[in-house]
């Protein structure tokens, strides 16, 4: 699969997940799992594009 299509699909899938998570009572354990998934995606994207490692977000 071409990188552009893969990134477009990933964006679409993340949007679908966020929509579904908004329907859940908050706070929900899925929030932590999804946050981890997004952080790892950012890490690997930075690594694949040879950018500086993204810094953890402060709460």
PDB file of N, CA and C in Angstrom:
ATOM      1  N   UNK A   1       0.856  -1.174   0.000  1.00  0.00           N
ATOM      2  CA  UNK A   1       0.000   0.000   0.000  1.00  0.00           C
ATOM      3  C   UNK A   1       0.902   1.238   0.000  1.00  0.00           C
ATOM      4  N   UNK A   2       0.514   2.247  -0.783  1.00  0.00           N
ATOM      5  CA  UNK A   2       1.301   3.480  -0.835  1.00  0.00           C
ATOM      6  C   UNK A   2       1.210   4.228   0.494  1.00  0.00           C
ATOM      7  N   UNK A   3       2.296   4.921   0.865  1.00  0.00           N
ATOM      8  CA  UNK A   3       2.295   5.644   2.148  1.00  0.00           C
ATOM      9  C   UNK A   3       1.152   6.654   2.275  1.00  0.00           C
ATOM     10  N   UNK A   4       0.825   7.363   1.200  1.00  0.00           N
ATOM     11  CA  UNK A   4      -0.258   8.344   1.277  1.00  0.00           C
ATOM     12  C   UNK A   4      -1.603   7.689   1.583  1.00  0.00           C
ATOM     13  N   UNK A   5      -1.849   6.559   0.955  1.00  0.00           N
ATOM     14  CA  UNK A   5      -3.106   5.843   1.223  1.00  0.00           C
ATOM     15  C   UNK A   5      -3.132   5.296   2.638  1.00  0.00           C
ATOM     16  N   UNK A   6      -1.995   4.787   3.074  1.00  0.00           N
ATOM     17  CA  UNK A   6      -1.905   4.241   4.428  1.00  0.00           C
ATOM     18  C   UNK A   6      -2.150   5.333   5.466  1.00  0.00           C
ATOM     19  N   UNK A   7      -1.541   6.496   5.281  1.00  0.00           N
ATOM     20  CA  UNK A   7      -1.751   7.597   6.215  1.00  0.00           C
ATOM     21  C   UNK A   7      -3.195   8.096   6.181  1.00  0.00           C
ATOM     22  N   UNK A   8      -3.788   8.145   4.987  1.00  0.00           N
ATOM     23  CA  UNK A   8      -5.187   8.571   4.877  1.00  0.00           C
ATOM     24  C   UNK A   8      -6.103   7.584   5.605  1.00  0.00           C
ATOM     25  N   UNK A   9      -5.832   6.295   5.440  1.00  0.00           N
ATOM     26  CA  UNK A   9      -6.632   5.293   6.135  1.00  0.00           C
ATOM     27  C   UNK A   9      -6.452   5.411   7.644  1.00  0.00           C
ATOM     28  N   UNK A  10      -5.217   5.593   8.075  1.00  0.00           N
ATOM     29  CA  UNK A  10      -4.940   5.723   9.504  1.00  0.00           C
ATOM     30  C   UNK A  10      -5.678   6.921  10.088  1.00  0.00           C
ATOM     31  N   UNK A  11      -5.668   8.038   9.359  1.00  0.00           N
ATOM     32  CA  UNK A  11      -6.394   9.233   9.806  1.00  0.00           C
ATOM     33  C   UNK A  11      -7.888   8.925   9.922  1.00  0.00           C
ATOM     34  N   UNK A  12      -8.438   8.290   8.899  1.00  0.00           N
ATOM     35  CA  UNK A  12      -9.868   7.945   8.909  1.00  0.00           C
ATOM     36  C   UNK A  12     -10.183   7.023  10.094  1.00  0.00           C
ATOM     37  N   UNK A  13      -9.355   5.997  10.301  1.00  0.00           N
ATOM     38  CA  UNK A  13      -9.599   5.052  11.391  1.00  0.00           C
ATOM     39  C   UNK A  13      -9.522   5.741  12.750  1.00  0.00           C
ATOM     40  N   UNK A  14      -8.563   6.653  12.907  1.00  0.00           N
ATOM     41  CA  UNK A  14      -8.459   7.383  14.171  1.00  0.00           C
ATOM     42  C   UNK A  14      -9.693   8.251  14.400  1.00  0.00           C
ATOM     43  N   UNK A  15     -10.190   8.890  13.348  1.00  0.00           N
ATOM     44  CA  UNK A  15     -11.402   9.704  13.484  1.00  0.00           C
ATOM     45  C   UNK A  15     -12.597   8.844  13.896  1.00  0.00           C
ATOM     46  N   UNK A  16     -12.713   7.664  13.311  1.00  0.00           N
ATOM     47  CA  UNK A  16     -13.798   6.751  13.672  1.00  0.00           C
ATOM     48  C   UNK A  16     -13.682   6.329  15.136  1.00  0.00           C
ATOM     49  N   UNK A  17     -12.463   6.057  15.569  1.00  0.00           N
ATOM     50  CA  UNK A  17     -12.246   5.659  16.965  1.00  0.00           C
ATOM     51  C   UNK A  17     -12.599   6.793  17.915  1.00  0.00           C
ATOM     52  N   UNK A  18     -12.175   8.008  17.573  1.00  0.00           N
ATOM     53  CA  UNK A  18     -12.498   9.155  18.419  1.00  0.00           C
ATOM     54  C   UNK A  18     -14.006   9.371  18.511  1.00  0.00           C
ATOM     55  N   UNK A  19     -14.689   9.233  17.395  1.00  0.00           N
ATOM     56  CA  UNK A  19     -16.146   9.393  17.403  1.00  0.00           C
ATOM     57  C   UNK A  19     -16.780   8.359  18.341  1.00  0.00           C
ATOM     58  N   UNK A  20     -16.347   7.116  18.223  1.00  0.00           N
ATOM     59  CA  UNK A  20     -16.909   6.057  19.068  1.00  0.00           C
ATOM     60  C   UNK A  20     -16.588   6.304  20.542  1.00  0.00           C
ATOM     61  N   UNK A  21     -15.380   6.776  20.822  1.00  0.00           N
ATOM     62  CA  UNK A  21     -14.982   7.012  22.213  1.00  0.00           C
ATOM     63  C   UNK A  21     -15.762   8.162  22.839  1.00  0.00           C
ATOM     64  N   UNK A  22     -16.172   9.129  22.026  1.00  0.00           N
ATOM     65  CA  UNK A  22     -16.974  10.245  22.564  1.00  0.00           C
ATOM     66  C   UNK A  22     -18.337   9.776  23.061  1.00  0.00           C
ATOM     67  N   UNK A  23     -18.766   8.619  22.577  1.00  0.00           N
ATOM     68  CA  UNK A  23     -20.059   8.076  22.995  1.00  0.00           C
ATOM     69  C   UNK A  23     -19.966   7.343  24.327  1.00  0.00           C
ATOM     70  N   UNK A  24     -18.758   7.068  24.783  1.00  0.00           N
ATOM     71  CA  UNK A  24     -18.553   6.312  26.018  1.00  0.00           C
ATOM     72  C   UNK A  24     -18.638   7.218  27.237  1.00  0.00           C
ATOM     73  N   UNK A  25     -19.021   6.667  28.383  1.00  0.00           N
ATOM     74  CA  UNK A  25     -18.967   7.457  29.612  1.00  0.00           C
ATOM     75  C   UNK A  25     -17.505   7.809  29.912  1.00  0.00           C
ATOM     76  N   UNK A  26     -17.301   8.996  30.424  1.00  0.00           N
ATOM     77  CA  UNK A  26     -15.930   9.469  30.684  1.00  0.00           C
ATOM     78  C   UNK A  26     -15.677   9.576  32.179  1.00  0.00           C
ATOM     79  N   UNK A  27     -14.494   9.324  32.651  1.00  0.00           N
ATOM     80  CA  UNK A  27     -13.347   8.787  31.917  1.00  0.00           C
ATOM     81  C   UNK A  27     -13.537   7.301  31.608  1.00  0.00           C
ATOM     82  N   UNK A  28     -12.873   6.835  30.564  1.00  0.00           N
ATOM     83  CA  UNK A  28     -13.010   5.446  30.137  1.00  0.00           C
ATOM     84  C   UNK A  28     -11.619   4.872  29.892  1.00  0.00           C
ATOM     85  N   UNK A  29     -11.394   3.596  30.222  1.00  0.00           N
ATOM     86  CA  UNK A  29     -10.071   2.991  30.005  1.00  0.00           C
ATOM     87  C   UNK A  29      -9.600   3.076  28.549  1.00  0.00           C
ATOM     88  N   UNK A  30     -10.532   3.142  27.610  1.00  0.00           N
ATOM     89  CA  UNK A  30     -10.148   3.218  26.197  1.00  0.00           C
ATOM     90  C   UNK A  30      -9.348   4.482  25.902  1.00  0.00           C
ATOM     91  N   UNK A  31      -9.552   5.542  26.680  1.00  0.00           N
ATOM     92  CA  UNK A  31      -8.815   6.793  26.452  1.00  0.00           C
ATOM     93  C   UNK A  31      -7.316   6.572  26.593  1.00  0.00           C
ATOM     94  N   UNK A  32      -6.920   5.857  27.610  1.00  0.00           N
ATOM     95  CA  UNK A  32      -5.497   5.614  27.850  1.00  0.00           C
ATOM     96  C   UNK A  32      -4.899   4.755  26.738  1.00  0.00           C
ATOM     97  N   UNK A  33      -5.635   3.748  26.322  1.00  0.00           N
ATOM     98  CA  UNK A  33      -5.154   2.863  25.256  1.00  0.00           C
ATOM     99  C   UNK A  33      -5.013   3.638  23.952  1.00  0.00           C
ATOM    100  N   UNK A  34      -6.024   4.441  23.615  1.00  0.00           N
ATOM    101  CA  UNK A  34      -5.974   5.205  22.374  1.00  0.00           C
ATOM    102  C   UNK A  34      -4.853   6.238  22.424  1.00  0.00           C
ATOM    103  N   UNK A  35      -4.638   6.869  23.565  1.00  0.00           N
ATOM    104  CA  UNK A  35      -3.535   7.823  23.711  1.00  0.00           C
ATOM    105  C   UNK A  35      -2.197   7.145  23.448  1.00  0.00           C
ATOM    106  N   UNK A  36      -2.051   5.934  23.949  1.00  0.00           N
ATOM    107  CA  UNK A  36      -0.822   5.181  23.723  1.00  0.00           C
ATOM    108  C   UNK A  36      -0.644   4.890  22.231  1.00  0.00           C
ATOM    109  N   UNK A  37      -1.706   4.476  21.569  1.00  0.00           N
ATOM    110  CA  UNK A  37      -1.636   4.167  20.137  1.00  0.00           C
ATOM    111  C   UNK A  37      -1.208   5.398  19.344  1.00  0.00           C
ATOM    112  N   UNK A  38      -1.806   6.539  19.635  1.00  0.00           N
ATOM    113  CA  UNK A  38      -1.464   7.768  18.922  1.00  0.00           C
ATOM    114  C   UNK A  38      -0.011   8.164  19.193  1.00  0.00           C
ATOM    115  N   UNK A  39       0.433   8.045  20.418  1.00  0.00           N
ATOM    116  CA  UNK A  39       1.819   8.390  20.750  1.00  0.00           C
ATOM    117  C   UNK A  39       2.806   7.500  19.991  1.00  0.00           C
ATOM    118  N   UNK A  40       2.509   6.228  19.913  1.00  0.00           N
ATOM    119  CA  UNK A  40       3.387   5.306  19.183  1.00  0.00           C
ATOM    120  C   UNK A  40       3.360   5.610  17.690  1.00  0.00           C
ATOM    121  N   UNK A  41       2.199   5.958  17.157  1.00  0.00           N
ATOM    122  CA  UNK A  41       2.124   6.342  15.744  1.00  0.00           C
ATOM    123  C   UNK A  41       3.009   7.559  15.476  1.00  0.00           C
ATOM    124  N   UNK A  42       2.949   8.550  16.354  1.00  0.00           N
ATOM    125  CA  UNK A  42       3.790   9.744  16.192  1.00  0.00           C
ATOM    126  C   UNK A  42       5.267   9.377  16.256  1.00  0.00           C
ATOM    127  N   UNK A  43       5.622   8.506  17.179  1.00  0.00           N
ATOM    128  CA  UNK A  43       7.012   8.070  17.320  1.00  0.00           C
ATOM    129  C   UNK A  43       7.512   7.421  16.035  1.00  0.00           C
ATOM    130  N   UNK A  44       6.745   6.459  15.507  1.00  0.00           N
ATOM    131  CA  UNK A  44       7.191   5.750  14.309  1.00  0.00           C
ATOM    132  C   UNK A  44       7.161   6.636  13.073  1.00  0.00           C
ATOM    133  N   UNK A  45       6.216   7.548  12.986  1.00  0.00           N
ATOM    134  CA  UNK A  45       6.197   8.475  11.856  1.00  0.00           C
ATOM    135  C   UNK A  45       7.439   9.364  11.886  1.00  0.00           C
ATOM    136  N   UNK A  46       7.782   9.868  13.059  1.00  0.00           N
ATOM    137  CA  UNK A  46       8.986  10.686  13.195  1.00  0.00           C
ATOM    138  C   UNK A  46      10.223   9.870  12.831  1.00  0.00           C
ATOM    139  N   UNK A  47      10.257   8.653  13.262  1.00  0.00           N
ATOM    140  CA  UNK A  47      11.400   7.796  12.954  1.00  0.00           C
ATOM    141  C   UNK A  47      11.480   7.497  11.459  1.00  0.00           C
ATOM    142  N   UNK A  48      10.340   7.227  10.853  1.00  0.00           N
ATOM    143  CA  UNK A  48      10.313   6.903   9.426  1.00  0.00           C
ATOM    144  C   UNK A  48      10.701   8.100   8.567  1.00  0.00           C
ATOM    145  N   UNK A  49      10.378   9.284   9.027  1.00  0.00           N
ATOM    146  CA  UNK A  49      10.701  10.488   8.262  1.00  0.00           C
ATOM    147  C   UNK A  49      11.976  11.143   8.762  1.00  0.00           C
ATOM    148  N   UNK A  50      12.639  10.492   9.730  1.00  0.00           N
ATOM    149  CA  UNK A  50      13.911  10.958  10.298  1.00  0.00           C
ATOM    150  C   UNK A  50      13.802  12.323  10.973  1.00  0.00           C
ATOM    151  N   UNK A  51      12.648  12.612  11.516  1.00  0.00           N
ATOM    152  CA  UNK A  51      12.476  13.840  12.271  1.00  0.00           C
ATOM    153  C   UNK A  51      12.922  13.607  13.703  1.00  0.00           C
ATOM    154  N   UNK A  52      13.052  14.683  14.429  1.00  0.00           N
ATOM    155  CA  UNK A  52      13.382  14.558  15.844  1.00  0.00           C
ATOM    156  C   UNK A  52      12.275  13.795  16.549  1.00  0.00           C
ATOM    157  N   UNK A  53      12.654  13.069  17.574  1.00  0.00           N
ATOM    158  CA  UNK A  53      11.672  12.301  18.336  1.00  0.00           C
ATOM    159  C   UNK A  53      10.668  13.257  18.980  1.00  0.00           C
ATOM    160  N   UNK A  54       9.374  12.996  18.788  1.00  0.00           N
ATOM    161  CA  UNK A  54       8.371  13.878  19.416  1.00  0.00           C
ATOM    162  C   UNK A  54       8.470  13.837  20.935  1.00  0.00           C
ATOM    163  N   UNK A  55       8.273  14.961  21.529  1.00  0.00           N
ATOM    164  CA  UNK A  55       8.323  15.062  22.974  1.00  0.00           C
ATOM    165  C   UNK A  55       6.984  14.630  23.573  1.00  0.00           C
ATOM    166  N   UNK A  56       7.029  13.962  24.731  1.00  0.00           N
ATOM    167  CA  UNK A  56       5.757  13.574  25.382  1.00  0.00           C
ATOM    168  C   UNK A  56       4.929  14.816  25.709  1.00  0.00           C
ATOM    169  N   UNK A  57       3.645  14.670  25.569  1.00  0.00           N
ATOM    170  CA  UNK A  57       2.743  15.781  25.900  1.00  0.00           C
ATOM    171  C   UNK A  57       2.578  15.852  27.405  1.00  0.00           C
ATOM    172  N   UNK A  58       2.644  17.041  27.919  1.00  0.00           N
ATOM    173  CA  UNK A  58       2.440  17.264  29.355  1.00  0.00           C
ATOM    174  C   UNK A  58       0.968  17.446  29.615  1.00  0.00           C
ATOM    175  N   UNK A  59       0.496  16.903  30.715  1.00  0.00           N
ATOM    176  CA  UNK A  59      -0.919  17.058  31.065  1.00  0.00           C
ATOM    177  C   UNK A  59      -1.110  18.284  31.900  1.00  0.00           C
TER     178      UNK A  59
END
